[in-house]
Every structure is written in C-alpha cells, then in structure tokens.
Amino acid sequence: MIGRLAQKSHQTKAKVLLKKGKRILFFLNPEILDLKGICIFNKLAGFQFGIRNAGNCCGFRASRANFRPEPNHFKTMESKKMKKNLLAIAAVVLLGCAVAQADTVISVYSGGISLDGYSTATAGTSADPWSIRETMTSSGILELACDLCAPVGPDDATGIGYLYGKWFQKTILNDSGVDWTSFELELRIDPALPSFDGDGLSFAQGSGLLFSSDKFATYSAIEDIRDYLNFHNGLVAVGESVTFNFAVTDNQTNEPIYLAQTLNRPEVPEPSTLLTLVIGLLGLAGAARRRFV
C-alpha cells in the first residue's frame, strides 16, 4: 500500500511515503528533521503519527540516521477515507503535543543539591512564576529537560519578545554548614562549560528586567561572554532559606538547559570593569616608580 499525504504545518509541507509493514520513513526532503512540519512513522506495531514540535516528533525522538529521502516519484493516495483518517489522527496528536509543551522535568544533574519539589504548571509570569524548592549542602547543577518541547516554552511568559521564557522563584535551604555571603547562578547548554553569547539562552538579556532576592540586597549580571548572575550584600545563615526571583529566556530550542548554582563565590567583575581596574593599577605603579626615581 503506497500513500501520499501533503499538509502544511508551521510553513512546511511534508510529503510522506508509507509502506505497510516496514519501519522506515521516506521523506521527499531529508532535511525535514531540521524543520517544523509533519512526521509520520511506523514504529513496532501499526502506523504512528507525529507532529514536529520544538525539535522532536511527538512520541518519537527521531534522528536523521533513521530515515532516507523519498523517491521523487510516488502515486497519489487513492483512498480519500484513509487521508481523512490520517488528518484526524494528526489533529489529535497535535493537541497532545500542545499539552506536552508544559511537561518540563527539573532534576539534579550533579553536586550537593536535594530537590524538594517544583512546579511548572503555572503561567510562568512574574506574578505566577514557576517554582523550585531545594536544599543545598554544596554547589551543584540543575537540569531542565523536555523531550517534546523547549524547557522554558511553549511561549514567552516574560512578555519581552523572546521565543521562549519563564519567570522562576527559587527557594533554597542552606544546609552547607557555612553561612552564605553571596550566591551565583549561571545558565549553560553544556554542564561543563559556560554558555556563550549567540546561543539564544540568557537571563532575559538586554530586557531591563529586574531580579531580586529576600536575603541579598544587590546582584550583578554578565550577559555578553556568559549568562551569569551573582547575588550579594546579604547573609544566609546555616538553617535559613533564601529566595531568588529571575527569568530565563531562550531564542532557540536549547534542550536540556543547565543551571549551575555556586555558593559563596566572589562577584566576577564585568570585563570592562576589570580592564579599568588593570589600567588604574598600572597607572599607580607608574606613579610610584616616578616618585622614587
């Protein structure tokens, strides 16, 4: 049985050749896996229908190695009833994908963090943020993952024009045995490396949004060479909790997203501030030499 389906979704028209009893998808355009469109696949038993949504097939995480380009020739589908059924299934799966967009999973990737609970069921706005509750014995990294969606999607709840974005309220209990005089948050797409300008991920870079903490009076941010926040001018004693309010945005579909959390690290100065400091020290050194010559 050979069939043809053409449907436009997210400005992409996918033509799919189905062969009964086989597990191979034939695409007219092999690059379809990099676009937002339609994917139909036969996995194990029966045909399964998936909609490309935020980088994955709903219900089936595909890789290009699983597919081959469709031959340029293929016959039109003779059964209108079959076409109608496929479109009906597509509508149901698309609805399922929309629901799955909120299914962001937050977990501990490494370090001394115990996750006490979280909620991503809220709108993710500043008035109704996503929440994370945790206990820390030492610095560590959280992972935000979503197989069927962007971790901070499906929309930009910050309202500042990014592709995806959410406000977070994070509450952490200090169980480290030492008081905290500062606290650092850093976004990463690789848990071992700082993120870089141009990867789409940021703490709402350039938006002018103001973040806050109930224990630290001020914070500094670095937005160009990394995605970094350092909260300071305060104290979190052992056994006390601290709350941070901040936004995470993404102009690409980065998945997963890592959030590195470091306690008691001194503030990292901006590169321009560091350069000014070096020039100033060189000037003082030169003046001292002239004075003793």
C-alpha atoms as a PDB file:
ATOM      1  CA  MET A   1       0.000   0.000   0.000  1.00  0.00           C
ATOM      2  CA  ILE A   2       1.533   3.286  -1.076  1.00  0.00           C
ATOM      3  CA  GLY A   3       0.105   6.566   0.095  1.00  0.00           C
ATOM      4  CA  ARG A   4       0.778  10.255  -0.169  1.00  0.00           C
ATOM      5  CA  LEU A   5      -0.014  12.981   2.315  1.00  0.00           C
ATOM      6  CA  ALA A   6       0.634  16.653   1.824  1.00  0.00           C
ATOM      7  CA  GLN A   7      -0.209  19.070   4.590  1.00  0.00           C
ATOM      8  CA  LYS A   8       1.159  22.454   5.555  1.00  0.00           C
ATOM      9  CA  SER A   9       2.223  22.938   9.168  1.00  0.00           C
ATOM     10  CA  HIS A  10       4.499  25.676  10.503  1.00  0.00           C
ATOM     11  CA  GLN A  11       5.067  26.805   6.907  1.00  0.00           C
ATOM     12  CA  THR A  12       6.467  23.396   5.974  1.00  0.00           C
ATOM     13  CA  LYS A  13       4.883  20.931   3.574  1.00  0.00           C
ATOM     14  CA  ALA A  14       5.868  17.336   4.207  1.00  0.00           C
ATOM     15  CA  LYS A  15       5.233  14.569   1.721  1.00  0.00           C
ATOM     16  CA  VAL A  16       5.410  11.142   3.202  1.00  0.00           C
ATOM     17  CA  LEU A  17       5.547   7.756   1.535  1.00  0.00           C
ATOM     18  CA  LEU A  18       4.144   4.990   3.717  1.00  0.00           C
ATOM     19  CA  LYS A  19       4.901   1.329   3.205  1.00  0.00           C
ATOM     20  CA  LYS A  20       2.912  -1.141   5.231  1.00  0.00           C
ATOM     21  CA  GLY A  21       4.840  -3.476   7.488  1.00  0.00           C
ATOM     22  CA  LYS A  22       8.119  -1.540   7.360  1.00  0.00           C
ATOM     23  CA  ARG A  23       9.722   0.733   9.913  1.00  0.00           C
ATOM     24  CA  ILE A  24      11.391   3.163   7.527  1.00  0.00           C
ATOM     25  CA  LEU A  25      10.169   6.665   6.770  1.00  0.00           C
ATOM     26  CA  PHE A  26      10.820   8.039   3.304  1.00  0.00           C
ATOM     27  CA  PHE A  27      10.947  11.841   3.116  1.00  0.00           C
ATOM     28  CA  LEU A  28      10.890  13.949  -0.007  1.00  0.00           C
ATOM     29  CA  ASN A  29      13.181  16.369   1.792  1.00  0.00           C
ATOM     30  CA  PRO A  30      15.780  14.697   4.046  1.00  0.00           C
ATOM     31  CA  GLU A  31      16.182  17.993   5.892  1.00  0.00           C
ATOM     32  CA  ILE A  32      12.618  17.763   7.183  1.00  0.00           C
ATOM     33  CA  LEU A  33      14.004  16.654  10.537  1.00  0.00           C
ATOM     34  CA  ASP A  34      15.514  20.107  10.938  1.00  0.00           C
ATOM     35  CA  LEU A  35      12.242  21.882  10.221  1.00  0.00           C
ATOM     36  CA  LYS A  36       8.906  22.224  11.920  1.00  0.00           C
ATOM     37  CA  GLY A  37       6.454  20.149   9.930  1.00  0.00           C
ATOM     38  CA  ILE A  38       4.974  16.698   9.877  1.00  0.00           C
ATOM     39  CA  CYS A  39       6.490  13.341  10.619  1.00  0.00           C
ATOM     40  CA  ILE A  40       4.804  10.011  10.150  1.00  0.00           C
ATOM     41  CA  PHE A  41       6.477   6.839  11.244  1.00  0.00           C
ATOM     42  CA  ASN A  42       5.800   3.156  11.620  1.00  0.00           C
ATOM     43  CA  LYS A  43       7.254   2.076  14.957  1.00  0.00           C
ATOM     44  CA  LEU A  44       6.937  -1.546  16.048  1.00  0.00           C
ATOM     45  CA  ALA A  45       3.187  -2.198  15.628  1.00  0.00           C
ATOM     46  CA  GLY A  46       0.973  -0.082  13.378  1.00  0.00           C
ATOM     47  CA  PHE A  47       1.398   3.409  11.999  1.00  0.00           C
ATOM     48  CA  GLN A  48       2.051   6.197  14.461  1.00  0.00           C
ATOM     49  CA  PHE A  49       1.571   9.813  13.532  1.00  0.00           C
ATOM     50  CA  GLY A  50       3.616  12.641  14.971  1.00  0.00           C
ATOM     51  CA  ILE A  51       3.794  16.392  14.564  1.00  0.00           C
ATOM     52  CA  ARG A  52       7.151  18.113  14.543  1.00  0.00           C
ATOM     53  CA  ASN A  53       7.070  20.395  17.560  1.00  0.00           C
ATOM     54  CA  ALA A  54      10.031  22.287  19.024  1.00  0.00           C
ATOM     55  CA  GLY A  55      12.603  19.971  17.524  1.00  0.00           C
ATOM     56  CA  ASN A  56      11.166  16.490  18.053  1.00  0.00           C
ATOM     57  CA  CYS A  57       8.457  14.181  16.783  1.00  0.00           C
ATOM     58  CA  CYS A  58       5.715  13.916  19.337  1.00  0.00           C
ATOM     59  CA  GLY A  59       6.002  10.481  20.911  1.00  0.00           C
ATOM     60  CA  PHE A  60       9.127   9.508  18.981  1.00  0.00           C
ATOM     61  CA  ARG A  61      12.527  11.129  19.277  1.00  0.00           C
ATOM     62  CA  ALA A  62      13.886  10.701  15.778  1.00  0.00           C
ATOM     63  CA  SER A  63      17.347  11.052  14.326  1.00  0.00           C
ATOM     64  CA  ARG A  64      18.238  11.610  10.698  1.00  0.00           C
ATOM     65  CA  ALA A  65      20.036   8.282  10.627  1.00  0.00           C
ATOM     66  CA  ASN A  66      16.666   6.539  10.827  1.00  0.00           C
ATOM     67  CA  PHE A  67      15.452   7.941   7.516  1.00  0.00           C
ATOM     68  CA  ARG A  68      16.151   8.045   3.790  1.00  0.00           C
ATOM     69  CA  PRO A  69      14.991  10.550   1.167  1.00  0.00           C
ATOM     70  CA  GLU A  70      11.747   9.619  -0.561  1.00  0.00           C
ATOM     71  CA  PRO A  71      11.974   8.819  -4.291  1.00  0.00           C
ATOM     72  CA  ASN A  72      10.765  11.693  -6.422  1.00  0.00           C
ATOM     73  CA  HIS A  73       8.023   9.536  -7.889  1.00  0.00           C
ATOM     74  CA  PHE A  74       5.120   8.318  -5.857  1.00  0.00           C
ATOM     75  CA  LYS A  75       1.472   7.758  -6.513  1.00  0.00           C
ATOM     76  CA  THR A  76      -1.395   9.769  -5.193  1.00  0.00           C
ATOM     77  CA  MET A  77      -3.369   8.208  -2.412  1.00  0.00           C
ATOM     78  CA  GLU A  78      -6.415   6.509  -3.836  1.00  0.00           C
ATOM     79  CA  SER A  79      -8.349   6.236  -0.619  1.00  0.00           C
ATOM     80  CA  LYS A  80      -9.809   9.597   0.463  1.00  0.00           C
ATOM     81  CA  LYS A  81     -11.056   7.909   3.596  1.00  0.00           C
ATOM     82  CA  MET A  82      -7.501   6.997   4.579  1.00  0.00           C
ATOM     83  CA  LYS A  83      -6.365  10.571   4.057  1.00  0.00           C
ATOM     84  CA  LYS A  84      -9.210  11.850   6.207  1.00  0.00           C
ATOM     85  CA  ASN A  85      -8.297   9.378   8.946  1.00  0.00           C
ATOM     86  CA  LEU A  86      -4.658  10.429   8.894  1.00  0.00           C
ATOM     87  CA  LEU A  87      -5.592  14.092   9.182  1.00  0.00           C
ATOM     88  CA  ALA A  88      -7.894  13.303  12.093  1.00  0.00           C
ATOM     89  CA  ILE A  89      -5.092  11.448  13.850  1.00  0.00           C
ATOM     90  CA  ALA A  90      -2.770  14.393  13.175  1.00  0.00           C
ATOM     91  CA  ALA A  91      -5.196  16.786  14.846  1.00  0.00           C
ATOM     92  CA  VAL A  92      -5.396  14.588  17.937  1.00  0.00           C
ATOM     93  CA  VAL A  93      -1.618  14.235  18.177  1.00  0.00           C
ATOM     94  CA  LEU A  94      -1.097  17.961  17.652  1.00  0.00           C
ATOM     95  CA  LEU A  95      -3.395  18.607  20.598  1.00  0.00           C
ATOM     96  CA  GLY A  96      -1.384  16.115  22.612  1.00  0.00           C
ATOM     97  CA  CYS A  97       1.847  17.871  21.682  1.00  0.00           C
ATOM     98  CA  ALA A  98       0.445  21.209  22.812  1.00  0.00           C
ATOM     99  CA  VAL A  99      -0.381  19.698  26.182  1.00  0.00           C
ATOM    100  CA  ALA A 100       3.065  18.104  26.399  1.00  0.00           C
ATOM    101  CA  GLN A 101       4.708  21.504  25.998  1.00  0.00           C
ATOM    102  CA  ALA A 102       4.253  22.138  29.738  1.00  0.00           C
ATOM    103  CA  ASP A 103       5.945  18.860  30.669  1.00  0.00           C
ATOM    104  CA  THR A 104       9.310  20.280  31.725  1.00  0.00           C
ATOM    105  CA  VAL A 105      11.240  17.999  34.068  1.00  0.00           C
ATOM    106  CA  ILE A 106      13.628  19.556  36.596  1.00  0.00           C
ATOM    107  CA  SER A 107      16.222  17.282  38.182  1.00  0.00           C
ATOM    108  CA  VAL A 108      19.616  17.357  39.894  1.00  0.00           C
ATOM    109  CA  TYR A 109      22.434  16.879  37.398  1.00  0.00           C
ATOM    110  CA  SER A 110      25.324  16.972  39.872  1.00  0.00           C
ATOM    111  CA  GLY A 111      26.548  18.342  43.187  1.00  0.00           C
ATOM    112  CA  GLY A 112      25.121  18.836  46.642  1.00  0.00           C
ATOM    113  CA  ILE A 113      21.528  19.695  45.763  1.00  0.00           C
ATOM    114  CA  SER A 114      18.433  17.894  47.032  1.00  0.00           C
ATOM    115  CA  LEU A 115      15.306  18.772  45.069  1.00  0.00           C
ATOM    116  CA  ASP A 116      12.392  19.191  47.479  1.00  0.00           C
ATOM    117  CA  GLY A 117       9.843  19.955  44.773  1.00  0.00           C
ATOM    118  CA  TYR A 118       8.983  22.124  41.796  1.00  0.00           C
ATOM    119  CA  SER A 119       6.011  23.317  39.770  1.00  0.00           C
ATOM    120  CA  THR A 120       5.882  24.156  36.062  1.00  0.00           C
ATOM    121  CA  ALA A 121       2.084  24.116  35.940  1.00  0.00           C
ATOM    122  CA  THR A 122       1.753  27.877  36.435  1.00  0.00           C
ATOM    123  CA  ALA A 123       1.851  30.539  33.712  1.00  0.00           C
ATOM    124  CA  GLY A 124       5.495  31.394  34.334  1.00  0.00           C
ATOM    125  CA  THR A 125       4.831  35.122  34.536  1.00  0.00           C
ATOM    126  CA  SER A 126       6.363  37.418  37.148  1.00  0.00           C
ATOM    127  CA  ALA A 127       3.084  37.264  39.079  1.00  0.00           C
ATOM    128  CA  ASP A 128       2.724  33.486  38.683  1.00  0.00           C
ATOM    129  CA  PRO A 129       6.256  32.073  38.281  1.00  0.00           C
ATOM    130  CA  TRP A 130       7.479  28.511  38.014  1.00  0.00           C
ATOM    131  CA  SER A 131       8.790  27.447  41.413  1.00  0.00           C
ATOM    132  CA  ILE A 132      11.704  25.311  42.609  1.00  0.00           C
ATOM    133  CA  ARG A 133      12.349  24.270  46.224  1.00  0.00           C
ATOM    134  CA  GLU A 134      15.621  22.684  47.195  1.00  0.00           C
ATOM    135  CA  THR A 135      18.203  22.060  49.919  1.00  0.00           C
ATOM    136  CA  MET A 136      21.915  22.625  49.269  1.00  0.00           C
ATOM    137  CA  THR A 137      24.909  21.151  51.057  1.00  0.00           C
ATOM    138  CA  SER A 138      27.353  22.349  48.384  1.00  0.00           C
ATOM    139  CA  SER A 139      27.408  23.855  44.905  1.00  0.00           C
ATOM    140  CA  GLY A 140      25.701  21.897  42.129  1.00  0.00           C
ATOM    141  CA  ILE A 141      23.855  21.911  38.806  1.00  0.00           C
ATOM    142  CA  LEU A 142      20.170  21.502  37.971  1.00  0.00           C
ATOM    143  CA  GLU A 143      18.901  20.182  34.635  1.00  0.00           C
ATOM    144  CA  LEU A 144      15.743  21.414  32.887  1.00  0.00           C
ATOM    145  CA  ALA A 145      14.663  18.947  30.209  1.00  0.00           C
ATOM    146  CA  CYS A 146      11.674  18.407  27.949  1.00  0.00           C
ATOM    147  CA  ASP A 147      11.722  15.773  25.208  1.00  0.00           C
ATOM    148  CA  LEU A 148       8.763  17.260  23.343  1.00  0.00           C
ATOM    149  CA  CYS A 149       9.291  20.956  23.937  1.00  0.00           C
ATOM    150  CA  ALA A 150      11.613  23.789  24.863  1.00  0.00           C
ATOM    151  CA  PRO A 151      12.269  23.619  28.635  1.00  0.00           C
ATOM    152  CA  VAL A 152      11.097  27.216  29.149  1.00  0.00           C
ATOM    153  CA  GLY A 153       8.385  27.037  26.438  1.00  0.00           C
ATOM    154  CA  PRO A 154       5.966  26.874  24.796  1.00  0.00           C
ATOM    155  CA  ASP A 155       5.808  30.679  24.786  1.00  0.00           C
ATOM    156  CA  ASP A 156       7.481  33.739  26.250  1.00  0.00           C
ATOM    157  CA  ALA A 157       5.681  34.404  29.523  1.00  0.00           C
ATOM    158  CA  THR A 158       8.093  37.244  30.283  1.00  0.00           C
ATOM    159  CA  GLY A 159       6.428  39.329  27.566  1.00  0.00           C
ATOM    160  CA  ILE A 160       9.663  40.834  26.270  1.00  0.00           C
ATOM    161  CA  GLY A 161       9.765  39.291  22.802  1.00  0.00           C
ATOM    162  CA  TYR A 162      11.849  36.145  23.172  1.00  0.00           C
ATOM    163  CA  LEU A 163      10.840  32.866  21.566  1.00  0.00           C
ATOM    164  CA  TYR A 164      10.526  31.157  24.953  1.00  0.00           C
ATOM    165  CA  GLY A 165      10.755  32.438  28.500  1.00  0.00           C
ATOM    166  CA  LYS A 166       9.623  31.905  32.070  1.00  0.00           C
ATOM    167  CA  TRP A 167       9.939  33.609  35.437  1.00  0.00           C
ATOM    168  CA  PHE A 168      11.291  31.438  38.253  1.00  0.00           C
ATOM    169  CA  GLN A 169      11.011  31.655  42.019  1.00  0.00           C
ATOM    170  CA  LYS A 170      13.709  29.502  43.589  1.00  0.00           C
ATOM    171  CA  THR A 171      13.837  28.860  47.352  1.00  0.00           C
ATOM    172  CA  ILE A 172      16.936  27.169  48.787  1.00  0.00           C
ATOM    173  CA  LEU A 173      17.618  25.922  52.320  1.00  0.00           C
ATOM    174  CA  ASN A 174      21.215  26.397  53.494  1.00  0.00           C
ATOM    175  CA  ASP A 175      22.363  23.012  54.830  1.00  0.00           C
ATOM    176  CA  SER A 176      26.017  23.525  53.891  1.00  0.00           C
ATOM    177  CA  GLY A 177      27.379  24.145  57.384  1.00  0.00           C
ATOM    178  CA  VAL A 178      28.609  27.639  56.464  1.00  0.00           C
ATOM    179  CA  ASP A 179      26.877  30.996  56.102  1.00  0.00           C
ATOM    180  CA  TRP A 180      26.379  32.287  52.580  1.00  0.00           C
ATOM    181  CA  THR A 181      27.573  35.799  51.763  1.00  0.00           C
ATOM    182  CA  SER A 182      26.921  35.505  48.031  1.00  0.00           C
ATOM    183  CA  PHE A 183      25.223  33.162  45.586  1.00  0.00           C
ATOM    184  CA  GLU A 184      25.834  32.642  41.879  1.00  0.00           C
ATOM    185  CA  LEU A 185      23.506  31.370  39.146  1.00  0.00           C
ATOM    186  CA  GLU A 186      24.775  30.539  35.665  1.00  0.00           C
ATOM    187  CA  LEU A 187      22.979  29.140  32.606  1.00  0.00           C
ATOM    188  CA  ARG A 188      24.683  26.525  30.462  1.00  0.00           C
ATOM    189  CA  ILE A 189      23.916  24.369  27.445  1.00  0.00           C
ATOM    190  CA  ASP A 190      26.940  22.215  28.293  1.00  0.00           C
ATOM    191  CA  PRO A 191      27.139  21.412  32.018  1.00  0.00           C
ATOM    192  CA  ALA A 192      30.940  21.653  31.920  1.00  0.00           C
ATOM    193  CA  LEU A 193      31.188  24.980  30.072  1.00  0.00           C
ATOM    194  CA  PRO A 194      29.753  28.495  30.443  1.00  0.00           C
ATOM    195  CA  SER A 195      27.207  29.439  27.811  1.00  0.00           C
ATOM    196  CA  PHE A 196      28.210  31.970  25.176  1.00  0.00           C
ATOM    197  CA  ASP A 197      26.670  34.975  23.514  1.00  0.00           C
ATOM    198  CA  GLY A 198      24.674  33.833  20.486  1.00  0.00           C
ATOM    199  CA  ASP A 199      23.417  30.507  21.843  1.00  0.00           C
ATOM    200  CA  GLY A 200      19.972  32.033  22.431  1.00  0.00           C
ATOM    201  CA  LEU A 201      19.974  31.290  26.154  1.00  0.00           C
ATOM    202  CA  SER A 202      20.057  34.077  28.745  1.00  0.00           C
ATOM    203  CA  PHE A 203      18.660  35.643  31.879  1.00  0.00           C
ATOM    204  CA  ALA A 204      16.448  37.885  29.687  1.00  0.00           C
ATOM    205  CA  GLN A 205      19.487  39.573  28.157  1.00  0.00           C
ATOM    206  CA  GLY A 206      19.028  43.243  27.286  1.00  0.00           C
ATOM    207  CA  SER A 207      15.451  43.377  28.564  1.00  0.00           C
ATOM    208  CA  GLY A 208      15.975  45.586  31.596  1.00  0.00           C
ATOM    209  CA  LEU A 209      14.042  43.189  33.830  1.00  0.00           C
ATOM    210  CA  LEU A 210      14.987  43.457  37.496  1.00  0.00           C
ATOM    211  CA  PHE A 211      15.631  40.358  39.582  1.00  0.00           C
ATOM    212  CA  SER A 212      15.543  40.087  43.365  1.00  0.00           C
ATOM    213  CA  SER A 213      16.298  38.086  46.492  1.00  0.00           C
ATOM    214  CA  ASP A 214      14.890  38.297  50.002  1.00  0.00           C
ATOM    215  CA  LYS A 215      18.362  37.883  51.577  1.00  0.00           C
ATOM    216  CA  PHE A 216      20.715  39.683  49.179  1.00  0.00           C
ATOM    217  CA  ALA A 217      20.289  43.388  48.525  1.00  0.00           C
ATOM    218  CA  THR A 218      22.010  43.584  45.147  1.00  0.00           C
ATOM    219  CA  TYR A 219      23.079  41.462  42.204  1.00  0.00           C
ATOM    220  CA  SER A 220      25.414  41.806  39.243  1.00  0.00           C
ATOM    221  CA  ALA A 221      24.960  40.308  35.793  1.00  0.00           C
ATOM    222  CA  ILE A 222      27.236  39.380  32.908  1.00  0.00           C
ATOM    223  CA  GLU A 223      25.379  38.973  29.615  1.00  0.00           C
ATOM    224  CA  ASP A 224      27.914  39.102  26.789  1.00  0.00           C
ATOM    225  CA  ILE A 225      30.555  36.430  27.424  1.00  0.00           C
ATOM    226  CA  ARG A 226      28.396  34.241  29.705  1.00  0.00           C
ATOM    227  CA  ASP A 227      24.926  34.106  31.296  1.00  0.00           C
ATOM    228  CA  TYR A 228      25.702  34.898  34.898  1.00  0.00           C
ATOM    229  CA  LEU A 229      24.044  36.368  37.997  1.00  0.00           C
ATOM    230  CA  ASN A 230      25.761  36.991  41.337  1.00  0.00           C
ATOM    231  CA  PHE A 231      23.610  37.943  44.325  1.00  0.00           C
ATOM    232  CA  HIS A 232      25.497  39.612  47.198  1.00  0.00           C
ATOM    233  CA  ASN A 233      25.317  42.199  50.008  1.00  0.00           C
ATOM    234  CA  GLY A 234      23.498  39.902  52.375  1.00  0.00           C
ATOM    235  CA  LEU A 235      23.739  36.785  54.519  1.00  0.00           C
ATOM    236  CA  VAL A 236      22.029  33.402  54.563  1.00  0.00           C
ATOM    237  CA  ALA A 237      22.847  31.709  57.862  1.00  0.00           C
ATOM    238  CA  VAL A 238      23.029  27.937  58.237  1.00  0.00           C
ATOM    239  CA  GLY A 239      19.481  26.588  58.554  1.00  0.00           C
ATOM    240  CA  GLU A 240      17.927  29.622  56.841  1.00  0.00           C
ATOM    241  CA  SER A 241      16.336  29.774  53.397  1.00  0.00           C
ATOM    242  CA  VAL A 242      16.826  32.270  50.594  1.00  0.00           C
ATOM    243  CA  THR A 243      14.517  33.052  47.674  1.00  0.00           C
ATOM    244  CA  PHE A 244      15.567  34.264  44.226  1.00  0.00           C
ATOM    245  CA  ASN A 245      13.279  35.727  41.545  1.00  0.00           C
ATOM    246  CA  PHE A 246      14.642  35.729  37.990  1.00  0.00           C
ATOM    247  CA  ALA A 247      13.716  34.998  34.370  1.00  0.00           C
ATOM    248  CA  VAL A 248      15.215  32.525  31.887  1.00  0.00           C
ATOM    249  CA  THR A 249      14.717  33.097  28.151  1.00  0.00           C
ATOM    250  CA  ASP A 250      15.662  31.179  25.024  1.00  0.00           C
ATOM    251  CA  ASN A 251      15.618  32.273  21.378  1.00  0.00           C
ATOM    252  CA  GLN A 252      16.485  28.758  20.222  1.00  0.00           C
ATOM    253  CA  THR A 253      15.231  25.371  21.313  1.00  0.00           C
ATOM    254  CA  ASN A 254      18.086  24.567  23.686  1.00  0.00           C
ATOM    255  CA  GLU A 255      17.382  21.259  25.414  1.00  0.00           C
ATOM    256  CA  PRO A 256      18.320  20.418  28.059  1.00  0.00           C
ATOM    257  CA  ILE A 257      19.205  23.603  29.921  1.00  0.00           C
ATOM    258  CA  TYR A 258      21.581  23.517  32.882  1.00  0.00           C
ATOM    259  CA  LEU A 259      21.512  25.912  35.837  1.00  0.00           C
ATOM    260  CA  ALA A 260      24.779  25.983  37.796  1.00  0.00           C
ATOM    261  CA  GLN A 261      24.449  27.158  41.404  1.00  0.00           C
ATOM    262  CA  THR A 262      27.521  28.223  43.365  1.00  0.00           C
ATOM    263  CA  LEU A 263      27.534  29.433  46.959  1.00  0.00           C
ATOM    264  CA  ASN A 264      29.981  31.945  48.455  1.00  0.00           C
ATOM    265  CA  ARG A 265      31.780  32.731  45.211  1.00  0.00           C
ATOM    266  CA  PRO A 266      33.080  36.324  44.980  1.00  0.00           C
ATOM    267  CA  GLU A 267      31.448  38.511  42.373  1.00  0.00           C
ATOM    268  CA  VAL A 268      33.039  38.250  38.924  1.00  0.00           C
ATOM    269  CA  PRO A 269      33.640  41.768  37.560  1.00  0.00           C
ATOM    270  CA  GLU A 270      32.497  42.814  34.102  1.00  0.00           C
ATOM    271  CA  PRO A 271      35.335  42.675  31.521  1.00  0.00           C
ATOM    272  CA  SER A 272      35.204  46.469  31.103  1.00  0.00           C
ATOM    273  CA  THR A 273      35.405  46.952  34.876  1.00  0.00           C
ATOM    274  CA  LEU A 274      38.339  44.559  35.066  1.00  0.00           C
ATOM    275  CA  LEU A 275      40.141  46.430  32.274  1.00  0.00           C
ATOM    276  CA  THR A 276      39.607  49.747  34.065  1.00  0.00           C
ATOM    277  CA  LEU A 277      40.984  48.228  37.261  1.00  0.00           C
ATOM    278  CA  VAL A 278      44.103  46.928  35.482  1.00  0.00           C
ATOM    279  CA  ILE A 279      44.726  50.302  33.821  1.00  0.00           C
ATOM    280  CA  GLY A 280      44.324  52.008  37.188  1.00  0.00           C
ATOM    281  CA  LEU A 281      46.800  49.667  38.864  1.00  0.00           C
ATOM    282  CA  LEU A 282      49.309  50.194  36.049  1.00  0.00           C
ATOM    283  CA  GLY A 283      48.918  53.946  36.472  1.00  0.00           C
ATOM    284  CA  LEU A 284      49.568  53.707  40.212  1.00  0.00           C
ATOM    285  CA  ALA A 285      52.624  51.554  39.605  1.00  0.00           C
ATOM    286  CA  GLY A 286      53.996  54.083  37.108  1.00  0.00           C
ATOM    287  CA  ALA A 287      53.433  56.969  39.503  1.00  0.00           C
ATOM    288  CA  ALA A 288      55.218  55.087  42.277  1.00  0.00           C
ATOM    289  CA  ARG A 289      58.240  54.437  40.066  1.00  0.00           C
ATOM    290  CA  ARG A 290      58.467  58.101  39.071  1.00  0.00           C
ATOM    291  CA  ARG A 291      58.282  59.158  42.710  1.00  0.00           C
ATOM    292  CA  PHE A 292      61.267  57.026  43.695  1.00  0.00           C
ATOM    293  CA  VAL A 293      63.406  57.782  40.656  1.00  0.00           C
END
